[in-house]
Amino acid sequence: MKKVKIGWRTSRTVLNGLTFLSEGQSRYLFSTSMMLLTVYGGYLCSALAYRYFQWRSSQRQAAEEQKTSGVP
């Protein structure tokens, strides 16, 4: 494993012909993966909220039907 200096803040680690990004370059990969995870988490959260509001409205509708059917 050897470090190759290619610029002021960029260097790559070469291991058996494979190139791995340095900290500065891998930061972009990390932020992209975190962005995708955040978007996916937001999707899951909104889907759960949607199901909850659907359930709540069906419960309210069932309660209204029960009130109106109980009145003679």
Foldseek 3Di string as FASTA:
>chain_A
DDWDDDDDPWIWDADPNDTDGDPVVCVVVVVVVVVVVVVVVVVVVVVVVVVVVVVVVVVVVVVVVVVVVVDD
